[in-house]
Amino acid sequence: MPQSLGGSDDDENLALACHRCNERHYNFTTAVDPKTQESVPLFNPRQQRWAEHFIWTADGLRILGVTTVGRAMRHLKNCVIC
């Protein structure tokens, strides 16, 4: 949970973030999957496997979300945490 939403600054609460999210101090905890319109928790690299939620395009230039979590992360301001 982000500090701005009541979380602590303990090591266990620190989150990996892409440059854009870190720079802007985003405090998102959920995002909406554009395909299902379902609100889902953000991808957590400490608890989830990247390859289960994302794939590279054939040309290796873009990352695609393949699950509700993956699609929501990609849709969230084009976050690339990942």
Foldseek 3Di string as FASTA:
>chain_A
DQVVVPDDPDPVPDAQFDPVCVVVVDDDQWFAQPVPRDIDGADGVVPDDPVVFWDAPPVRPDIAGDDRNNRRCCVVVNTDRD
